[in-house]
Amino acid sequence: ELVLETRPEQVTLVPDPPGALTSDHGWDVIQHRELLTETVQSLQAKGMRVSLFTGTEEAQIEAAASIGADRIELYTEPYALGYANGQSEAVVPFARAAALAHACGLGVNAGHDLDANNLRYFAANVPYLEEVSIGHALISEALYAGLEQTVKTYLACLDIPRT
């Protein structure tokens, strides 16, 4: 009701149950196809762009496209954990997923556990990235460096040459 009342430019649907503190997975679009199709169509009919929070699974991305979502938002905790452990190849499934999403006509967003330490590498290696969702890390860092400086730091992470 709040979303329909305020009509934001974009709505990202995340499969969090009531009471969840944070996300820990993306949608199973195939299993929830009927609910998501109806919700996506309803929101789009009111002029909102709709993004579905997903993992990197090919079938789920294709399903998101088939129900008419505008974008996906890749759940990036697996990347963040791998990158923190020195596994730069943790970005590979996300690069593949982004390329597939783009080929399916979907825009690509990403979010969860992205921070100033891992964002630049992610953005440099994931094609077609349109938007990142960073809340917790940005606000936590802003407590020490100030919001203006922290936002500048994150924007600098995204200011990279694209191929």
C-alpha atoms as a PDB file:
ATOM      1  CA  GLU A   1       0.000   0.000   0.000  1.00  0.00           C
ATOM      2  CA  LEU A   2       2.823   2.407   0.862  1.00  0.00           C
ATOM      3  CA  VAL A   3       4.567   1.733  -2.452  1.00  0.00           C
ATOM      4  CA  LEU A   4       1.362   2.270  -4.396  1.00  0.00           C
ATOM      5  CA  GLU A   5       0.750   5.489  -2.465  1.00  0.00           C
ATOM      6  CA  THR A   6       4.233   6.963  -2.908  1.00  0.00           C
ATOM      7  CA  ARG A   7       4.970   5.579  -6.388  1.00  0.00           C
ATOM      8  CA  PRO A   8       8.770   5.525  -6.375  1.00  0.00           C
ATOM      9  CA  GLU A   9      10.638   5.370  -9.667  1.00  0.00           C
ATOM     10  CA  GLN A  10      11.862   1.848  -8.860  1.00  0.00           C
ATOM     11  CA  VAL A  11      10.671  -0.928  -6.589  1.00  0.00           C
ATOM     12  CA  THR A  12      12.949  -3.833  -5.723  1.00  0.00           C
ATOM     13  CA  LEU A  13      11.072  -6.895  -4.551  1.00  0.00           C
ATOM     14  CA  VAL A  14      13.051  -8.881  -1.960  1.00  0.00           C
ATOM     15  CA  PRO A  15      11.874 -12.247  -0.556  1.00  0.00           C
ATOM     16  CA  ASP A  16      12.325 -11.354   3.115  1.00  0.00           C
ATOM     17  CA  PRO A  17       9.793 -12.757   5.555  1.00  0.00           C
ATOM     18  CA  PRO A  18       8.352 -10.445   8.233  1.00  0.00           C
ATOM     19  CA  GLY A  19      10.887  -9.859  10.986  1.00  0.00           C
ATOM     20  CA  ALA A  20      13.976 -10.578   8.849  1.00  0.00           C
ATOM     21  CA  LEU A  21      16.860  -8.247   9.641  1.00  0.00           C
ATOM     22  CA  THR A  22      18.468  -8.553   6.233  1.00  0.00           C
ATOM     23  CA  SER A  23      18.292 -10.566   3.032  1.00  0.00           C
ATOM     24  CA  ASP A  24      20.023 -13.914   2.759  1.00  0.00           C
ATOM     25  CA  HIS A  25      18.872 -15.076  -0.686  1.00  0.00           C
ATOM     26  CA  GLY A  26      17.189 -14.004  -3.864  1.00  0.00           C
ATOM     27  CA  TRP A  27      13.762 -14.927  -5.155  1.00  0.00           C
ATOM     28  CA  ASP A  28      12.915 -18.353  -6.413  1.00  0.00           C
ATOM     29  CA  VAL A  29      11.134 -16.741  -9.331  1.00  0.00           C
ATOM     30  CA  ILE A  30      10.062 -20.083 -10.763  1.00  0.00           C
ATOM     31  CA  GLN A  31       8.354 -21.180  -7.544  1.00  0.00           C
ATOM     32  CA  HIS A  32       6.732 -17.776  -6.956  1.00  0.00           C
ATOM     33  CA  ARG A  33       5.960 -17.070 -10.603  1.00  0.00           C
ATOM     34  CA  GLU A  34       2.245 -16.348 -10.139  1.00  0.00           C
ATOM     35  CA  LEU A  35       2.702 -13.977  -7.173  1.00  0.00           C
ATOM     36  CA  LEU A  36       5.593 -12.146  -8.818  1.00  0.00           C
ATOM     37  CA  THR A  37       3.890 -11.829 -12.213  1.00  0.00           C
ATOM     38  CA  GLU A  38       0.835 -10.258 -10.608  1.00  0.00           C
ATOM     39  CA  THR A  39       2.914  -7.947  -8.416  1.00  0.00           C
ATOM     40  CA  VAL A  40       5.242  -6.858 -11.238  1.00  0.00           C
ATOM     41  CA  GLN A  41       2.307  -6.069 -13.520  1.00  0.00           C
ATOM     42  CA  SER A  42       0.482  -4.164 -10.781  1.00  0.00           C
ATOM     43  CA  LEU A  43       3.490  -1.987  -9.986  1.00  0.00           C
ATOM     44  CA  GLN A  44       4.356  -1.380 -13.626  1.00  0.00           C
ATOM     45  CA  ALA A  45       0.749  -0.372 -14.325  1.00  0.00           C
ATOM     46  CA  LYS A  46       1.317   2.454 -11.827  1.00  0.00           C
ATOM     47  CA  GLY A  47       4.458   3.574 -13.679  1.00  0.00           C
ATOM     48  CA  MET A  48       7.114   1.981 -11.480  1.00  0.00           C
ATOM     49  CA  ARG A  49      10.184   0.115 -12.697  1.00  0.00           C
ATOM     50  CA  VAL A  50      10.372  -3.301 -11.007  1.00  0.00           C
ATOM     51  CA  SER A  51      13.542  -5.118 -10.015  1.00  0.00           C
ATOM     52  CA  LEU A  52      13.635  -8.636  -8.564  1.00  0.00           C
ATOM     53  CA  PHE A  53      16.308  -9.561  -6.025  1.00  0.00           C
ATOM     54  CA  THR A  54      17.895 -12.751  -7.407  1.00  0.00           C
ATOM     55  CA  GLY A  55      20.885 -14.991  -7.204  1.00  0.00           C
ATOM     56  CA  THR A  56      23.068 -15.801 -10.189  1.00  0.00           C
ATOM     57  CA  GLU A  57      21.164 -18.908 -11.300  1.00  0.00           C
ATOM     58  CA  GLU A  58      20.490 -18.835 -15.033  1.00  0.00           C
ATOM     59  CA  ALA A  59      16.971 -20.288 -14.762  1.00  0.00           C
ATOM     60  CA  GLN A  60      15.920 -17.682 -12.191  1.00  0.00           C
ATOM     61  CA  ILE A  61      17.213 -14.807 -14.311  1.00  0.00           C
ATOM     62  CA  GLU A  62      15.432 -16.144 -17.385  1.00  0.00           C
ATOM     63  CA  ALA A  63      12.257 -16.534 -15.311  1.00  0.00           C
ATOM     64  CA  ALA A  64      12.545 -12.913 -14.131  1.00  0.00           C
ATOM     65  CA  ALA A  65      12.680 -11.804 -17.751  1.00  0.00           C
ATOM     66  CA  SER A  66       9.783 -14.047 -18.732  1.00  0.00           C
ATOM     67  CA  ILE A  67       7.442 -12.534 -16.141  1.00  0.00           C
ATOM     68  CA  GLY A  68       8.206  -9.016 -17.330  1.00  0.00           C
ATOM     69  CA  ALA A  69      10.525  -7.647 -14.636  1.00  0.00           C
ATOM     70  CA  ASP A  70      12.488  -4.601 -15.738  1.00  0.00           C
ATOM     71  CA  ARG A  71      15.639  -5.404 -13.797  1.00  0.00           C
ATOM     72  CA  ILE A  72      17.218  -7.855 -11.439  1.00  0.00           C
ATOM     73  CA  GLU A  73      19.259  -6.980  -8.395  1.00  0.00           C
ATOM     74  CA  LEU A  74      21.972  -9.560  -7.885  1.00  0.00           C
ATOM     75  CA  TYR A  75      22.362 -10.777  -4.298  1.00  0.00           C
ATOM     76  CA  THR A  76      26.085 -10.170  -3.813  1.00  0.00           C
ATOM     77  CA  GLU A  77      26.900 -11.618  -0.388  1.00  0.00           C
ATOM     78  CA  PRO A  78      28.626 -14.679  -1.949  1.00  0.00           C
ATOM     79  CA  TYR A  79      30.866 -12.318  -3.921  1.00  0.00           C
ATOM     80  CA  ALA A  80      31.643 -10.175  -0.874  1.00  0.00           C
ATOM     81  CA  LEU A  81      32.575 -13.206   1.232  1.00  0.00           C
ATOM     82  CA  GLY A  82      34.766 -14.671  -1.501  1.00  0.00           C
ATOM     83  CA  TYR A  83      36.471 -11.374  -2.235  1.00  0.00           C
ATOM     84  CA  ALA A  84      37.197 -10.835   1.476  1.00  0.00           C
ATOM     85  CA  ASN A  85      38.911 -14.238   1.482  1.00  0.00           C
ATOM     86  CA  GLY A  86      41.147 -13.336  -1.470  1.00  0.00           C
ATOM     87  CA  GLN A  87      39.049 -15.161  -4.062  1.00  0.00           C
ATOM     88  CA  SER A  88      38.821 -12.611  -6.842  1.00  0.00           C
ATOM     89  CA  GLU A  89      37.183 -15.262  -9.038  1.00  0.00           C
ATOM     90  CA  ALA A  90      34.093 -14.931  -6.822  1.00  0.00           C
ATOM     91  CA  VAL A  91      33.006 -12.201  -9.243  1.00  0.00           C
ATOM     92  CA  VAL A  92      32.758 -14.610 -12.211  1.00  0.00           C
ATOM     93  CA  PRO A  93      29.202 -15.920 -11.575  1.00  0.00           C
ATOM     94  CA  PHE A  94      28.018 -12.318 -11.233  1.00  0.00           C
ATOM     95  CA  ALA A  95      29.643 -11.274 -14.503  1.00  0.00           C
ATOM     96  CA  ARG A  96      27.978 -14.224 -16.247  1.00  0.00           C
ATOM     97  CA  ALA A  97      24.622 -13.481 -14.619  1.00  0.00           C
ATOM     98  CA  ALA A  98      24.798  -9.821 -15.636  1.00  0.00           C
ATOM     99  CA  ALA A  99      25.611 -10.721 -19.234  1.00  0.00           C
ATOM    100  CA  LEU A 100      22.699 -13.167 -19.330  1.00  0.00           C
ATOM    101  CA  ALA A 101      20.319 -10.649 -17.770  1.00  0.00           C
ATOM    102  CA  HIS A 102      21.339  -8.046 -20.342  1.00  0.00           C
ATOM    103  CA  ALA A 103      20.839 -10.570 -23.148  1.00  0.00           C
ATOM    104  CA  CYS A 104      17.338 -11.261 -21.747  1.00  0.00           C
ATOM    105  CA  GLY A 105      16.505  -7.557 -21.830  1.00  0.00           C
ATOM    106  CA  LEU A 106      16.864  -6.961 -18.094  1.00  0.00           C
ATOM    107  CA  GLY A 107      18.700  -4.125 -16.419  1.00  0.00           C
ATOM    108  CA  VAL A 108      21.273  -5.138 -13.810  1.00  0.00           C
ATOM    109  CA  ASN A 109      21.491  -3.851 -10.250  1.00  0.00           C
ATOM    110  CA  ALA A 110      23.456  -5.407  -7.396  1.00  0.00           C
ATOM    111  CA  GLY A 111      23.470  -5.251  -3.649  1.00  0.00           C
ATOM    112  CA  HIS A 112      24.236  -6.840  -0.295  1.00  0.00           C
ATOM    113  CA  ASP A 113      27.548  -6.602   1.532  1.00  0.00           C
ATOM    114  CA  LEU A 114      29.091  -4.366  -1.104  1.00  0.00           C
ATOM    115  CA  ASP A 115      31.428  -1.839   0.470  1.00  0.00           C
ATOM    116  CA  ALA A 116      34.309   0.505  -0.327  1.00  0.00           C
ATOM    117  CA  ASN A 117      36.745  -2.433  -0.218  1.00  0.00           C
ATOM    118  CA  ASN A 118      35.027  -4.677  -2.775  1.00  0.00           C
ATOM    119  CA  LEU A 119      32.888  -2.364  -4.901  1.00  0.00           C
ATOM    120  CA  ARG A 120      35.513  -1.136  -7.372  1.00  0.00           C
ATOM    121  CA  TYR A 121      36.560  -4.684  -8.343  1.00  0.00           C
ATOM    122  CA  PHE A 122      32.939  -5.778  -8.644  1.00  0.00           C
ATOM    123  CA  ALA A 123      31.958  -2.816 -10.816  1.00  0.00           C
ATOM    124  CA  ALA A 124      35.043  -3.216 -13.013  1.00  0.00           C
ATOM    125  CA  ASN A 125      34.269  -6.877 -13.682  1.00  0.00           C
ATOM    126  CA  VAL A 126      30.484  -7.047 -13.907  1.00  0.00           C
ATOM    127  CA  PRO A 127      29.187  -5.757 -17.233  1.00  0.00           C
ATOM    128  CA  TYR A 128      25.967  -3.795 -17.673  1.00  0.00           C
ATOM    129  CA  LEU A 129      25.812  -2.772 -14.012  1.00  0.00           C
ATOM    130  CA  GLU A 130      23.337   0.095 -13.725  1.00  0.00           C
ATOM    131  CA  GLU A 131      22.902   0.548 -10.004  1.00  0.00           C
ATOM    132  CA  VAL A 132      24.215  -0.701  -6.667  1.00  0.00           C
ATOM    133  CA  SER A 133      22.355  -0.762  -3.373  1.00  0.00           C
ATOM    134  CA  ILE A 134      24.618   0.046  -0.470  1.00  0.00           C
ATOM    135  CA  GLY A 135      23.096   1.029   2.818  1.00  0.00           C
ATOM    136  CA  HIS A 136      24.646  -0.539   5.863  1.00  0.00           C
ATOM    137  CA  ALA A 137      28.311  -0.142   4.923  1.00  0.00           C
ATOM    138  CA  LEU A 138      27.874   3.387   3.650  1.00  0.00           C
ATOM    139  CA  ILE A 139      26.052   4.618   6.738  1.00  0.00           C
ATOM    140  CA  SER A 140      28.440   2.791   9.088  1.00  0.00           C
ATOM    141  CA  GLU A 141      31.460   4.359   7.383  1.00  0.00           C
ATOM    142  CA  ALA A 142      29.751   7.763   7.379  1.00  0.00           C
ATOM    143  CA  LEU A 143      29.681   7.716  11.169  1.00  0.00           C
ATOM    144  CA  TYR A 144      33.471   8.063  11.046  1.00  0.00           C
ATOM    145  CA  ALA A 145      34.196   9.936   7.820  1.00  0.00           C
ATOM    146  CA  GLY A 146      30.979  11.919   7.416  1.00  0.00           C
ATOM    147  CA  LEU A 147      28.249  11.287   4.881  1.00  0.00           C
ATOM    148  CA  GLU A 148      29.559  13.631   2.182  1.00  0.00           C
ATOM    149  CA  GLN A 149      33.056  12.119   2.153  1.00  0.00           C
ATOM    150  CA  THR A 150      31.724   8.553   2.308  1.00  0.00           C
ATOM    151  CA  VAL A 151      29.413   9.113  -0.647  1.00  0.00           C
ATOM    152  CA  LYS A 152      32.325  10.588  -2.600  1.00  0.00           C
ATOM    153  CA  THR A 153      34.401   7.499  -1.759  1.00  0.00           C
ATOM    154  CA  TYR A 154      31.699   5.171  -3.069  1.00  0.00           C
ATOM    155  CA  LEU A 155      31.148   7.213  -6.202  1.00  0.00           C
ATOM    156  CA  ALA A 156      34.890   7.069  -6.870  1.00  0.00           C
ATOM    157  CA  CYS A 157      34.679   3.266  -6.665  1.00  0.00           C
ATOM    158  CA  LEU A 158      32.163   3.351  -9.500  1.00  0.00           C
ATOM    159  CA  ASP A 159      34.043   5.859 -11.640  1.00  0.00           C
ATOM    160  CA  ILE A 160      35.824   3.266 -13.740  1.00  0.00           C
ATOM    161  CA  PRO A 161      36.339   2.827 -17.465  1.00  0.00           C
ATOM    162  CA  ARG A 162      33.755   0.478 -18.977  1.00  0.00           C
ATOM    163  CA  THR A 163      34.311  -1.820 -21.933  1.00  0.00           C
END
